[in-house]
PDB file of N, CA and C in Angstrom:
ATOM      1  N   ALA A   1      15.918  68.432 -15.869  1.00  0.00           N
ATOM      2  CA  ALA A   1      15.290  68.448 -14.558  1.00  0.00           C
ATOM      3  C   ALA A   1      14.629  67.107 -14.258  1.00  0.00           C
ATOM      4  N   LEU A   2      13.994  66.509 -15.260  1.00  0.00           N
ATOM      5  CA  LEU A   2      13.336  65.230 -15.042  1.00  0.00           C
ATOM      6  C   LEU A   2      14.351  64.150 -14.654  1.00  0.00           C
ATOM      7  N   GLN A   3      15.535  64.218 -15.214  1.00  0.00           N
ATOM      8  CA  GLN A   3      16.559  63.219 -14.913  1.00  0.00           C
ATOM      9  C   GLN A   3      17.050  63.321 -13.471  1.00  0.00           C
ATOM     10  N   SER A   4      16.878  64.472 -12.844  1.00  0.00           N
ATOM     11  CA  SER A   4      17.364  64.643 -11.482  1.00  0.00           C
ATOM     12  C   SER A   4      16.352  64.192 -10.430  1.00  0.00           C
ATOM     13  N   LEU A   5      15.167  63.788 -10.861  1.00  0.00           N
ATOM     14  CA  LEU A   5      14.161  63.335  -9.905  1.00  0.00           C
ATOM     15  C   LEU A   5      14.506  61.941  -9.399  1.00  0.00           C
ATOM     16  N   ALA A   6      14.313  61.746  -8.115  1.00  0.00           N
ATOM     17  CA  ALA A   6      14.551  60.433  -7.510  1.00  0.00           C
ATOM     18  C   ALA A   6      13.209  59.842  -7.075  1.00  0.00           C
ATOM     19  N   PRO A   7      13.038  58.540  -7.205  1.00  0.00           N
ATOM     20  CA  PRO A   7      11.774  57.924  -6.786  1.00  0.00           C
ATOM     21  C   PRO A   7      11.578  58.052  -5.278  1.00  0.00           C
ATOM     22  N   LEU A   8      10.321  58.248  -4.885  1.00  0.00           N
ATOM     23  CA  LEU A   8       9.988  58.343  -3.464  1.00  0.00           C
ATOM     24  C   LEU A   8       9.629  56.988  -2.873  1.00  0.00           C
ATOM     25  N   ALA A   9       9.287  56.047  -3.739  1.00  0.00           N
ATOM     26  CA  ALA A   9       8.901  54.722  -3.261  1.00  0.00           C
ATOM     27  C   ALA A   9       9.337  53.678  -4.269  1.00  0.00           C
ATOM     28  N   THR A  10       9.570  52.502  -3.780  1.00  0.00           N
ATOM     29  CA  THR A  10       9.942  51.386  -4.643  1.00  0.00           C
ATOM     30  C   THR A  10       8.696  50.578  -4.978  1.00  0.00           C
ATOM     31  N   PRO A  11       8.755  49.767  -6.013  1.00  0.00           N
ATOM     32  CA  PRO A  11       7.606  48.893  -6.299  1.00  0.00           C
ATOM     33  C   PRO A  11       7.272  47.994  -5.100  1.00  0.00           C
ATOM     34  N   GLY A  12       8.282  47.545  -4.386  1.00  0.00           N
ATOM     35  CA  GLY A  12       8.041  46.702  -3.209  1.00  0.00           C
ATOM     36  C   GLY A  12       7.256  47.433  -2.128  1.00  0.00           C
ATOM     37  N   LEU A  13       7.555  48.713  -1.938  1.00  0.00           N
ATOM     38  CA  LEU A  13       6.818  49.494  -0.942  1.00  0.00           C
ATOM     39  C   LEU A  13       5.354  49.611  -1.351  1.00  0.00           C
ATOM     40  N   TRP A  14       5.095  49.887  -2.638  1.00  0.00           N
ATOM     41  CA  TRP A  14       3.718  49.996  -3.100  1.00  0.00           C
ATOM     42  C   TRP A  14       2.970  48.680  -2.935  1.00  0.00           C
ATOM     43  N   GLU A  15       3.636  47.569  -3.153  1.00  0.00           N
ATOM     44  CA  GLU A  15       2.994  46.269  -2.960  1.00  0.00           C
ATOM     45  C   GLU A  15       2.617  46.070  -1.496  1.00  0.00           C
ATOM     46  N   ARG A  16       3.489  46.482  -0.574  1.00  0.00           N
ATOM     47  CA  ARG A  16       3.188  46.365   0.861  1.00  0.00           C
ATOM     48  C   ARG A  16       2.031  47.285   1.261  1.00  0.00           C
ATOM     49  N   VAL A  17       1.996  48.477   0.682  1.00  0.00           N
ATOM     50  CA  VAL A  17       0.895  49.408   0.978  1.00  0.00           C
ATOM     51  C   VAL A  17      -0.423  48.829   0.449  1.00  0.00           C
ATOM     52  N   GLN A  18      -0.407  48.277  -0.751  1.00  0.00           N
ATOM     53  CA  GLN A  18      -1.614  47.663  -1.305  1.00  0.00           C
ATOM     54  C   GLN A  18      -2.081  46.501  -0.440  1.00  0.00           C
ATOM     55  N   TRP A  19      -1.147  45.675   0.012  1.00  0.00           N
ATOM     56  CA  TRP A  19      -1.499  44.539   0.869  1.00  0.00           C
ATOM     57  C   TRP A  19      -2.066  45.045   2.193  1.00  0.00           C
ATOM     58  N   ALA A  20      -1.427  46.053   2.790  1.00  0.00           N
ATOM     59  CA  ALA A  20      -1.904  46.591   4.069  1.00  0.00           C
ATOM     60  C   ALA A  20      -3.307  47.173   3.920  1.00  0.00           C
ATOM     61  N   THR A  21      -3.567  47.828   2.812  1.00  0.00           N
ATOM     62  CA  THR A  21      -4.901  48.397   2.574  1.00  0.00           C
ATOM     63  C   THR A  21      -5.931  47.288   2.410  1.00  0.00           C
ATOM     64  N   ALA A  22      -5.626  46.311   1.591  1.00  0.00           N
ATOM     65  CA  ALA A  22      -6.580  45.236   1.295  1.00  0.00           C
ATOM     66  C   ALA A  22      -6.877  44.371   2.512  1.00  0.00           C
ATOM     67  N   THR A  23      -5.964  44.295   3.458  1.00  0.00           N
ATOM     68  CA  THR A  23      -6.163  43.435   4.623  1.00  0.00           C
ATOM     69  C   THR A  23      -6.626  44.208   5.853  1.00  0.00           C
ATOM     70  N   LEU A  24      -6.811  45.511   5.728  1.00  0.00           N
ATOM     71  CA  LEU A  24      -7.302  46.301   6.859  1.00  0.00           C
ATOM     72  C   LEU A  24      -8.723  45.855   7.178  1.00  0.00           C
ATOM     73  N   PRO A  25      -9.004  45.523   8.424  1.00  0.00           N
ATOM     74  CA  PRO A  25     -10.336  45.007   8.767  1.00  0.00           C
ATOM     75  C   PRO A  25     -11.465  45.998   8.474  1.00  0.00           C
ATOM     76  N   VAL A  26     -12.556  45.445   7.967  1.00  0.00           N
ATOM     77  CA  VAL A  26     -13.794  46.193   7.717  1.00  0.00           C
ATOM     78  C   VAL A  26     -14.908  45.426   8.428  1.00  0.00           C
ATOM     79  N   SER A  27     -15.554  46.077   9.372  1.00  0.00           N
ATOM     80  CA  SER A  27     -16.634  45.407  10.097  1.00  0.00           C
ATOM     81  C   SER A  27     -17.834  45.219   9.181  1.00  0.00           C
ATOM     82  N   GLU A  28     -18.676  44.299   9.547  1.00  0.00           N
ATOM     83  CA  GLU A  28     -19.901  44.075   8.780  1.00  0.00           C
ATOM     84  C   GLU A  28     -20.753  45.339   8.763  1.00  0.00           C
ATOM     85  N   THR A  29     -20.744  46.071   9.860  1.00  0.00           N
ATOM     86  CA  THR A  29     -21.513  47.310   9.958  1.00  0.00           C
ATOM     87  C   THR A  29     -21.037  48.340   8.932  1.00  0.00           C
ATOM     88  N   VAL A  30     -19.724  48.510   8.806  1.00  0.00           N
ATOM     89  CA  VAL A  30     -19.164  49.477   7.859  1.00  0.00           C
ATOM     90  C   VAL A  30     -19.424  49.023   6.428  1.00  0.00           C
ATOM     91  N   ALA A  31     -19.252  47.756   6.144  1.00  0.00           N
ATOM     92  CA  ALA A  31     -19.506  47.239   4.798  1.00  0.00           C
ATOM     93  C   ALA A  31     -20.982  47.413   4.430  1.00  0.00           C
ATOM     94  N   THR A  32     -21.867  47.136   5.365  1.00  0.00           N
ATOM     95  CA  THR A  32     -23.297  47.297   5.124  1.00  0.00           C
ATOM     96  C   THR A  32     -23.640  48.759   4.856  1.00  0.00           C
ATOM     97  N   TYR A  33     -23.014  49.667   5.585  1.00  0.00           N
ATOM     98  CA  TYR A  33     -23.241  51.095   5.374  1.00  0.00           C
ATOM     99  C   TYR A  33     -22.839  51.493   3.950  1.00  0.00           C
ATOM    100  N   ALA A  34     -21.705  51.015   3.486  1.00  0.00           N
ATOM    101  CA  ALA A  34     -21.258  51.321   2.122  1.00  0.00           C
ATOM    102  C   ALA A  34     -22.252  50.769   1.104  1.00  0.00           C
ATOM    103  N   VAL A  35     -22.729  49.569   1.316  1.00  0.00           N
ATOM    104  CA  VAL A  35     -23.701  48.962   0.412  1.00  0.00           C
ATOM    105  C   VAL A  35     -25.007  49.754   0.434  1.00  0.00           C
ATOM    106  N   GLU A  36     -25.444  50.188   1.614  1.00  0.00           N
ATOM    107  CA  GLU A  36     -26.689  50.965   1.716  1.00  0.00           C
ATOM    108  C   GLU A  36     -26.575  52.292   0.958  1.00  0.00           C
ATOM    109  N   LEU A  37     -25.423  52.947   1.054  1.00  0.00           N
ATOM    110  CA  LEU A  37     -25.237  54.187   0.309  1.00  0.00           C
ATOM    111  C   LEU A  37     -25.312  53.934  -1.198  1.00  0.00           C
ATOM    112  N   CYS A  38     -24.672  52.875  -1.650  1.00  0.00           N
ATOM    113  CA  CYS A  38     -24.713  52.541  -3.080  1.00  0.00           C
ATOM    114  C   CYS A  38     -26.128  52.183  -3.509  1.00  0.00           C
ATOM    115  N   ARG A  39     -26.807  51.409  -2.701  1.00  0.00           N
ATOM    116  CA  ARG A  39     -28.181  51.025  -3.021  1.00  0.00           C
ATOM    117  C   ARG A  39     -29.078  52.265  -3.096  1.00  0.00           C
ATOM    118  N   ALA A  40     -28.858  53.215  -2.199  1.00  0.00           N
ATOM    119  CA  ALA A  40     -29.665  54.440  -2.181  1.00  0.00           C
ATOM    120  C   ALA A  40     -29.493  55.240  -3.469  1.00  0.00           C
ATOM    121  N   THR A  41     -28.327  55.159  -4.094  1.00  0.00           N
ATOM    122  CA  THR A  41     -28.141  55.886  -5.363  1.00  0.00           C
ATOM    123  C   THR A  41     -29.041  55.306  -6.447  1.00  0.00           C
ATOM    124  N   ARG A  42     -29.273  54.014  -6.388  1.00  0.00           N
ATOM    125  CA  ARG A  42     -30.105  53.376  -7.414  1.00  0.00           C
ATOM    126  C   ARG A  42     -31.586  53.692  -7.235  1.00  0.00           C
ATOM    127  N   ALA A  43     -31.967  54.119  -6.041  1.00  0.00           N
ATOM    128  CA  ALA A  43     -33.370  54.442  -5.767  1.00  0.00           C
ATOM    129  C   ALA A  43     -33.655  55.938  -5.843  1.00  0.00           C
ATOM    130  N   HIS A  44     -32.629  56.761  -5.948  1.00  0.00           N
ATOM    131  CA  HIS A  44     -32.820  58.209  -5.933  1.00  0.00           C
ATOM    132  C   HIS A  44     -33.427  58.667  -7.257  1.00  0.00           C
ATOM    133  N   PRO A  45     -34.464  59.527  -7.207  1.00  0.00           N
ATOM    134  CA  PRO A  45     -35.130  59.942  -8.445  1.00  0.00           C
ATOM    135  C   PRO A  45     -34.265  60.771  -9.401  1.00  0.00           C
ATOM    136  N   ALA A  46     -33.220  61.412  -8.909  1.00  0.00           N
ATOM    137  CA  ALA A  46     -32.367  62.231  -9.776  1.00  0.00           C
ATOM    138  C   ALA A  46     -31.251  61.430 -10.431  1.00  0.00           C
ATOM    139  N   ILE A  47     -31.161  60.160 -10.121  1.00  0.00           N
ATOM    140  CA  ILE A  47     -30.087  59.315 -10.652  1.00  0.00           C
ATOM    141  C   ILE A  47     -30.663  58.352 -11.683  1.00  0.00           C
ATOM    142  N   ARG A  48     -30.144  58.436 -12.893  1.00  0.00           N
ATOM    143  CA  ARG A  48     -30.561  57.491 -13.947  1.00  0.00           C
ATOM    144  C   ARG A  48     -29.793  56.182 -13.854  1.00  0.00           C
ATOM    145  N   LEU A  49     -28.531  56.271 -13.484  1.00  0.00           N
ATOM    146  CA  LEU A  49     -27.701  55.077 -13.350  1.00  0.00           C
ATOM    147  C   LEU A  49     -26.949  55.189 -12.035  1.00  0.00           C
ATOM    148  N   GLY A  50     -27.283  54.316 -11.096  1.00  0.00           N
ATOM    149  CA  GLY A  50     -26.701  54.374  -9.760  1.00  0.00           C
ATOM    150  C   GLY A  50     -25.452  53.532  -9.621  1.00  0.00           C
ATOM    151  N   ALA A  51     -24.947  53.509  -8.409  1.00  0.00           N
ATOM    152  CA  ALA A  51     -23.710  52.783  -8.099  1.00  0.00           C
ATOM    153  C   ALA A  51     -23.969  51.277  -8.087  1.00  0.00           C
ATOM    154  N   SER A  52     -23.104  50.551  -8.739  1.00  0.00           N
ATOM    155  CA  SER A  52     -23.226  49.097  -8.868  1.00  0.00           C
ATOM    156  C   SER A  52     -22.630  48.399  -7.643  1.00  0.00           C
ATOM    157  N   PRO A  53     -22.830  47.078  -7.544  1.00  0.00           N
ATOM    158  CA  PRO A  53     -22.161  46.328  -6.477  1.00  0.00           C
ATOM    159  C   PRO A  53     -20.631  46.476  -6.529  1.00  0.00           C
ATOM    160  N   ARG A  54     -20.071  46.566  -7.735  1.00  0.00           N
ATOM    161  CA  ARG A  54     -18.618  46.787  -7.838  1.00  0.00           C
ATOM    162  C   ARG A  54     -18.233  48.154  -7.295  1.00  0.00           C
ATOM    163  N   ALA A  55     -19.121  49.134  -7.424  1.00  0.00           N
ATOM    164  CA  ALA A  55     -18.870  50.456  -6.855  1.00  0.00           C
ATOM    165  C   ALA A  55     -18.822  50.371  -5.332  1.00  0.00           C
ATOM    166  N   ALA A  56     -19.663  49.515  -4.759  1.00  0.00           N
ATOM    167  CA  ALA A  56     -19.647  49.328  -3.303  1.00  0.00           C
ATOM    168  C   ALA A  56     -18.309  48.744  -2.856  1.00  0.00           C
ATOM    169  N   ILE A  57     -17.780  47.825  -3.637  1.00  0.00           N
ATOM    170  CA  ILE A  57     -16.465  47.246  -3.324  1.00  0.00           C
ATOM    171  C   ILE A  57     -15.397  48.332  -3.404  1.00  0.00           C
ATOM    172  N   ALA A  58     -15.452  49.148  -4.440  1.00  0.00           N
ATOM    173  CA  ALA A  58     -14.485  50.242  -4.584  1.00  0.00           C
ATOM    174  C   ALA A  58     -14.615  51.232  -3.430  1.00  0.00           C
ATOM    175  N   LEU A  59     -15.827  51.487  -2.983  1.00  0.00           N
ATOM    176  CA  LEU A  59     -16.045  52.399  -1.860  1.00  0.00           C
ATOM    177  C   LEU A  59     -15.416  51.844  -0.585  1.00  0.00           C
ATOM    178  N   VAL A  60     -15.590  50.568  -0.347  1.00  0.00           N
ATOM    179  CA  VAL A  60     -14.980  49.941   0.839  1.00  0.00           C
ATOM    180  C   VAL A  60     -13.461  49.975   0.734  1.00  0.00           C
ATOM    181  N   ARG A  61     -12.909  49.688  -0.438  1.00  0.00           N
ATOM    182  CA  ARG A  61     -11.450  49.738  -0.621  1.00  0.00           C
ATOM    183  C   ARG A  61     -10.919  51.144  -0.378  1.00  0.00           C
ATOM    184  N   ALA A  62     -11.630  52.149  -0.863  1.00  0.00           N
ATOM    185  CA  ALA A  62     -11.204  53.537  -0.639  1.00  0.00           C
ATOM    186  C   ALA A  62     -11.284  53.885   0.846  1.00  0.00           C
ATOM    187  N   ALA A  63     -12.297  53.386   1.527  1.00  0.00           N
ATOM    188  CA  ALA A  63     -12.421  53.629   2.974  1.00  0.00           C
ATOM    189  C   ALA A  63     -11.265  52.963   3.721  1.00  0.00           C
ATOM    190  N   GLN A  64     -10.873  51.779   3.277  1.00  0.00           N
ATOM    191  CA  GLN A  64      -9.722  51.106   3.896  1.00  0.00           C
ATOM    192  C   GLN A  64      -8.459  51.947   3.714  1.00  0.00           C
ATOM    193  N   ALA A  65      -8.257  52.469   2.525  1.00  0.00           N
ATOM    194  CA  ALA A  65      -7.079  53.301   2.262  1.00  0.00           C
ATOM    195  C   ALA A  65      -7.122  54.570   3.112  1.00  0.00           C
ATOM    196  N   HIS A  66      -8.295  55.164   3.254  1.00  0.00           N
ATOM    197  CA  HIS A  66      -8.440  56.370   4.079  1.00  0.00           C
ATOM    198  C   HIS A  66      -8.071  56.064   5.534  1.00  0.00           C
ATOM    199  N   ALA A  67      -8.529  54.938   6.036  1.00  0.00           N
ATOM    200  CA  ALA A  67      -8.199  54.543   7.408  1.00  0.00           C
ATOM    201  C   ALA A  67      -6.695  54.322   7.568  1.00  0.00           C
ATOM    202  N   LEU A  68      -6.097  53.654   6.589  1.00  0.00           N
ATOM    203  CA  LEU A  68      -4.657  53.402   6.643  1.00  0.00           C
ATOM    204  C   LEU A  68      -3.877  54.716   6.648  1.00  0.00           C
ATOM    205  N   LEU A  69      -4.288  55.656   5.799  1.00  0.00           N
ATOM    206  CA  LEU A  69      -3.619  56.957   5.768  1.00  0.00           C
ATOM    207  C   LEU A  69      -3.804  57.712   7.078  1.00  0.00           C
ATOM    208  N   GLY A  70      -4.880  57.406   7.796  1.00  0.00           N
ATOM    209  CA  GLY A  70      -5.117  58.007   9.108  1.00  0.00           C
ATOM    210  C   GLY A  70      -4.438  57.239  10.231  1.00  0.00           C
ATOM    211  N   SER A  71      -3.586  56.297   9.873  1.00  0.00           N
ATOM    212  CA  SER A  71      -2.825  55.485  10.830  1.00  0.00           C
ATOM    213  C   SER A  71      -3.720  54.662  11.750  1.00  0.00           C
ATOM    214  N   ARG A  72      -4.867  54.223  11.219  1.00  0.00           N
ATOM    215  CA  ARG A  72      -5.748  53.359  12.002  1.00  0.00           C
ATOM    216  C   ARG A  72      -5.714  51.949  11.443  1.00  0.00           C
ATOM    217  N   ARG A  73      -5.983  50.999  12.293  1.00  0.00           N
ATOM    218  CA  ARG A  73      -5.945  49.592  11.900  1.00  0.00           C
ATOM    219  C   ARG A  73      -7.338  49.018  11.670  1.00  0.00           C
ATOM    220  N   PHE A  74      -8.316  49.881  11.452  1.00  0.00           N
ATOM    221  CA  PHE A  74      -9.694  49.471  11.210  1.00  0.00           C
ATOM    222  C   PHE A  74     -10.402  50.609  10.472  1.00  0.00           C
ATOM    223  N   THR A  75     -11.510  50.279   9.831  1.00  0.00           N
ATOM    224  CA  THR A  75     -12.278  51.302   9.119  1.00  0.00           C
ATOM    225  C   THR A  75     -13.492  51.707   9.948  1.00  0.00           C
ATOM    226  N   THR A  76     -13.983  52.909   9.679  1.00  0.00           N
ATOM    227  CA  THR A  76     -15.158  53.427  10.375  1.00  0.00           C
ATOM    228  C   THR A  76     -16.147  53.977   9.341  1.00  0.00           C
ATOM    229  N   PRO A  77     -17.377  54.227   9.754  1.00  0.00           N
ATOM    230  CA  PRO A  77     -18.316  54.886   8.840  1.00  0.00           C
ATOM    231  C   PRO A  77     -17.798  56.250   8.373  1.00  0.00           C
ATOM    232  N   ASP A  78     -17.034  56.934   9.207  1.00  0.00           N
ATOM    233  CA  ASP A  78     -16.475  58.222   8.797  1.00  0.00           C
ATOM    234  C   ASP A  78     -15.481  58.062   7.640  1.00  0.00           C
ATOM    235  N   ASP A  79     -14.785  56.933   7.580  1.00  0.00           N
ATOM    236  CA  ASP A  79     -13.901  56.676   6.435  1.00  0.00           C
ATOM    237  C   ASP A  79     -14.729  56.557   5.155  1.00  0.00           C
ATOM    238  N   VAL A  80     -15.860  55.880   5.249  1.00  0.00           N
ATOM    239  CA  VAL A  80     -16.746  55.748   4.083  1.00  0.00           C
ATOM    240  C   VAL A  80     -17.228  57.130   3.657  1.00  0.00           C
ATOM    241  N   LYS A  81     -17.680  57.930   4.617  1.00  0.00           N
ATOM    242  CA  LYS A  81     -18.169  59.279   4.300  1.00  0.00           C
ATOM    243  C   LYS A  81     -17.075  60.137   3.663  1.00  0.00           C
ATOM    244  N   ALA A  82     -15.855  59.981   4.136  1.00  0.00           N
ATOM    245  CA  ALA A  82     -14.756  60.811   3.628  1.00  0.00           C
ATOM    246  C   ALA A  82     -14.441  60.544   2.164  1.00  0.00           C
ATOM    247  N   VAL A  83     -14.725  59.343   1.690  1.00  0.00           N
ATOM    248  CA  VAL A  83     -14.344  58.980   0.323  1.00  0.00           C
ATOM    249  C   VAL A  83     -15.523  58.730  -0.604  1.00  0.00           C
ATOM    250  N   VAL A  84     -16.744  58.866  -0.113  1.00  0.00           N
ATOM    251  CA  VAL A  84     -17.901  58.512  -0.937  1.00  0.00           C
ATOM    252  C   VAL A  84     -17.996  59.363  -2.204  1.00  0.00           C
ATOM    253  N   VAL A  85     -17.740  60.655  -2.111  1.00  0.00           N
ATOM    254  CA  VAL A  85     -17.855  61.495  -3.314  1.00  0.00           C
ATOM    255  C   VAL A  85     -16.776  61.145  -4.340  1.00  0.00           C
ATOM    256  N   PRO A  86     -15.494  61.124  -3.972  1.00  0.00           N
ATOM    257  CA  PRO A  86     -14.508  60.769  -5.003  1.00  0.00           C
ATOM    258  C   PRO A  86     -14.622  59.322  -5.500  1.00  0.00           C
ATOM    259  N   ALA A  87     -15.130  58.434  -4.662  1.00  0.00           N
ATOM    260  CA  ALA A  87     -15.239  57.030  -5.078  1.00  0.00           C
ATOM    261  C   ALA A  87     -16.456  56.767  -5.958  1.00  0.00           C
ATOM    262  N   LEU A  88     -17.526  57.551  -5.781  1.00  0.00           N
ATOM    263  CA  LEU A  88     -18.760  57.230  -6.484  1.00  0.00           C
ATOM    264  C   LEU A  88     -19.258  58.262  -7.493  1.00  0.00           C
ATOM    265  N   ALA A  89     -18.931  59.528  -7.316  1.00  0.00           N
ATOM    266  CA  ALA A  89     -19.545  60.574  -8.151  1.00  0.00           C
ATOM    267  C   ALA A  89     -19.370  60.314  -9.640  1.00  0.00           C
ATOM    268  N   HIS A  90     -18.203  59.867 -10.042  1.00  0.00           N
ATOM    269  CA  HIS A  90     -17.964  59.633 -11.470  1.00  0.00           C
ATOM    270  C   HIS A  90     -18.668  58.383 -11.995  1.00  0.00           C
ATOM    271  N   ARG A  91     -19.205  57.571 -11.100  1.00  0.00           N
ATOM    272  CA  ARG A  91     -19.887  56.341 -11.511  1.00  0.00           C
ATOM    273  C   ARG A  91     -21.389  56.543 -11.717  1.00  0.00           C
ATOM    274  N   LEU A  92     -21.909  57.700 -11.312  1.00  0.00           N
ATOM    275  CA  LEU A  92     -23.341  57.947 -11.364  1.00  0.00           C
ATOM    276  C   LEU A  92     -23.708  58.758 -12.601  1.00  0.00           C
ATOM    277  N   VAL A  93     -24.900  58.509 -13.112  1.00  0.00           N
ATOM    278  CA  VAL A  93     -25.454  59.331 -14.173  1.00  0.00           C
ATOM    279  C   VAL A  93     -26.652  60.041 -13.549  1.00  0.00           C
ATOM    280  N   ALA A  94     -26.490  61.340 -13.316  1.00  0.00           N
ATOM    281  CA  ALA A  94     -27.524  62.131 -12.648  1.00  0.00           C
ATOM    282  C   ALA A  94     -28.224  63.043 -13.640  1.00  0.00           C
ATOM    283  N   GLU A  95     -29.447  63.404 -13.301  1.00  0.00           N
ATOM    284  CA  GLU A  95     -30.231  64.315 -14.134  1.00  0.00           C
ATOM    285  C   GLU A  95     -30.434  65.635 -13.398  1.00  0.00           C
ATOM    286  N   ARG A  96     -30.065  66.725 -14.028  1.00  0.00           N
ATOM    287  CA  ARG A  96     -30.325  68.085 -13.557  1.00  0.00           C
ATOM    288  C   ARG A  96     -29.644  68.473 -12.244  1.00  0.00           C
ATOM    289  N   VAL A  97     -28.924  67.588 -11.626  1.00  0.00           N
ATOM    290  CA  VAL A  97     -28.202  67.924 -10.397  1.00  0.00           C
ATOM    291  C   VAL A  97     -26.830  67.253 -10.437  1.00  0.00           C
ATOM    292  N   PRO A  98     -25.850  67.852  -9.790  1.00  0.00           N
ATOM    293  CA  PRO A  98     -24.543  67.189  -9.746  1.00  0.00           C
ATOM    294  C   PRO A  98     -24.613  65.919  -8.882  1.00  0.00           C
ATOM    295  N   ALA A  99     -23.919  64.895  -9.311  1.00  0.00           N
ATOM    296  CA  ALA A  99     -23.878  63.644  -8.547  1.00  0.00           C
ATOM    297  C   ALA A  99     -23.371  63.898  -7.131  1.00  0.00           C
ATOM    298  N   ARG A 100     -22.451  64.823  -6.984  1.00  0.00           N
ATOM    299  CA  ARG A 100     -21.907  65.171  -5.668  1.00  0.00           C
ATOM    300  C   ARG A 100     -23.034  65.603  -4.719  1.00  0.00           C
ATOM    301  N   SER A 101     -23.965  66.402  -5.219  1.00  0.00           N
ATOM    302  CA  SER A 101     -25.082  66.876  -4.394  1.00  0.00           C
ATOM    303  C   SER A 101     -25.962  65.722  -3.938  1.00  0.00           C
ATOM    304  N   VAL A 102     -26.219  64.790  -4.842  1.00  0.00           N
ATOM    305  CA  VAL A 102     -27.029  63.621  -4.486  1.00  0.00           C
ATOM    306  C   VAL A 102     -26.312  62.803  -3.415  1.00  0.00           C
ATOM    307  N   LEU A 103     -25.016  62.586  -3.574  1.00  0.00           N
ATOM    308  CA  LEU A 103     -24.262  61.798  -2.594  1.00  0.00           C
ATOM    309  C   LEU A 103     -24.260  62.486  -1.232  1.00  0.00           C
ATOM    310  N   GLU A 104     -24.107  63.806  -1.218  1.00  0.00           N
ATOM    311  CA  GLU A 104     -24.143  64.528   0.053  1.00  0.00           C
ATOM    312  C   GLU A 104     -25.521  64.403   0.705  1.00  0.00           C
ATOM    313  N   GLU A 105     -26.562  64.461  -0.106  1.00  0.00           N
ATOM    314  CA  GLU A 105     -27.917  64.270   0.412  1.00  0.00           C
ATOM    315  C   GLU A 105     -28.084  62.869   1.001  1.00  0.00           C
ATOM    316  N   LEU A 106     -27.579  61.873   0.283  1.00  0.00           N
ATOM    317  CA  LEU A 106     -27.717  60.491   0.744  1.00  0.00           C
ATOM    318  C   LEU A 106     -26.924  60.237   2.025  1.00  0.00           C
ATOM    319  N   MET A 107     -25.784  60.905   2.176  1.00  0.00           N
ATOM    320  CA  MET A 107     -25.029  60.748   3.429  1.00  0.00           C
ATOM    321  C   MET A 107     -25.807  61.323   4.607  1.00  0.00           C
ATOM    322  N   THR A 108     -26.616  62.328   4.339  1.00  0.00           N
ATOM    323  CA  THR A 108     -27.428  62.943   5.394  1.00  0.00           C
ATOM    324  C   THR A 108     -28.655  62.066   5.709  1.00  0.00           C
ATOM    325  N   SER A 109     -29.261  61.499   4.659  1.00  0.00           N
ATOM    326  CA  SER A 109     -30.496  60.745   4.855  1.00  0.00           C
ATOM    327  C   SER A 109     -30.288  59.282   5.221  1.00  0.00           C
ATOM    328  N   THR A 110     -29.124  58.733   4.945  1.00  0.00           N
ATOM    329  CA  THR A 110     -28.839  57.340   5.293  1.00  0.00           C
ATOM    330  C   THR A 110     -28.252  57.317   6.693  1.00  0.00           C
ATOM    331  N   PRO A 111     -28.900  56.607   7.615  1.00  0.00           N
ATOM    332  CA  PRO A 111     -28.388  56.588   8.992  1.00  0.00           C
ATOM    333  C   PRO A 111     -26.946  56.077   9.062  1.00  0.00           C
ATOM    334  N   THR A 112     -26.124  56.824   9.779  1.00  0.00           N
ATOM    335  CA  THR A 112     -24.717  56.432   9.979  1.00  0.00           C
ATOM    336  C   THR A 112     -24.645  55.476  11.160  1.00  0.00           C
ATOM    337  N   PRO A 113     -24.112  54.289  10.943  1.00  0.00           N
ATOM    338  CA  PRO A 113     -24.003  53.359  12.074  1.00  0.00           C
ATOM    339  C   PRO A 113     -22.975  53.842  13.097  1.00  0.00           C
ATOM    340  N   ARG A 114     -23.177  53.440  14.294  1.00  0.00           N
ATOM    341  CA  ARG A 114     -22.192  53.760  15.347  1.00  0.00           C
ATOM    342  C   ARG A 114     -21.089  52.722  15.293  1.00  0.00           C
ATOM    343  N   PRO A 115     -19.850  53.179  15.457  1.00  0.00           N
ATOM    344  CA  PRO A 115     -18.737  52.221  15.379  1.00  0.00           C
ATOM    345  C   PRO A 115     -18.758  51.220  16.529  1.00  0.00           C
TER     346      PRO A 115
END
């Protein structure tokens, strides 16, 4: 059965998708929002180890990919919100609460910029 599987994409297609994601515009407002969310994890009392500056970069990259999958040519704060849990939860060391809960709280308490 494994031998009968055909590839759905070529390496060249994946390279084009990666390039399209990396070059999708991110406004200063959206980038700042991602940084503020990451910074808020470092100040939260339930978090022993918060999101690093590299985590903020990963969050922006994930938001770019989310926008691309939504057939948009720009990122929005909603793209950041859509990917914040999968992009950051595994990077946090939380005490007594799931990292997901802290991130959801921070999305509520951190003002969302208007696009």
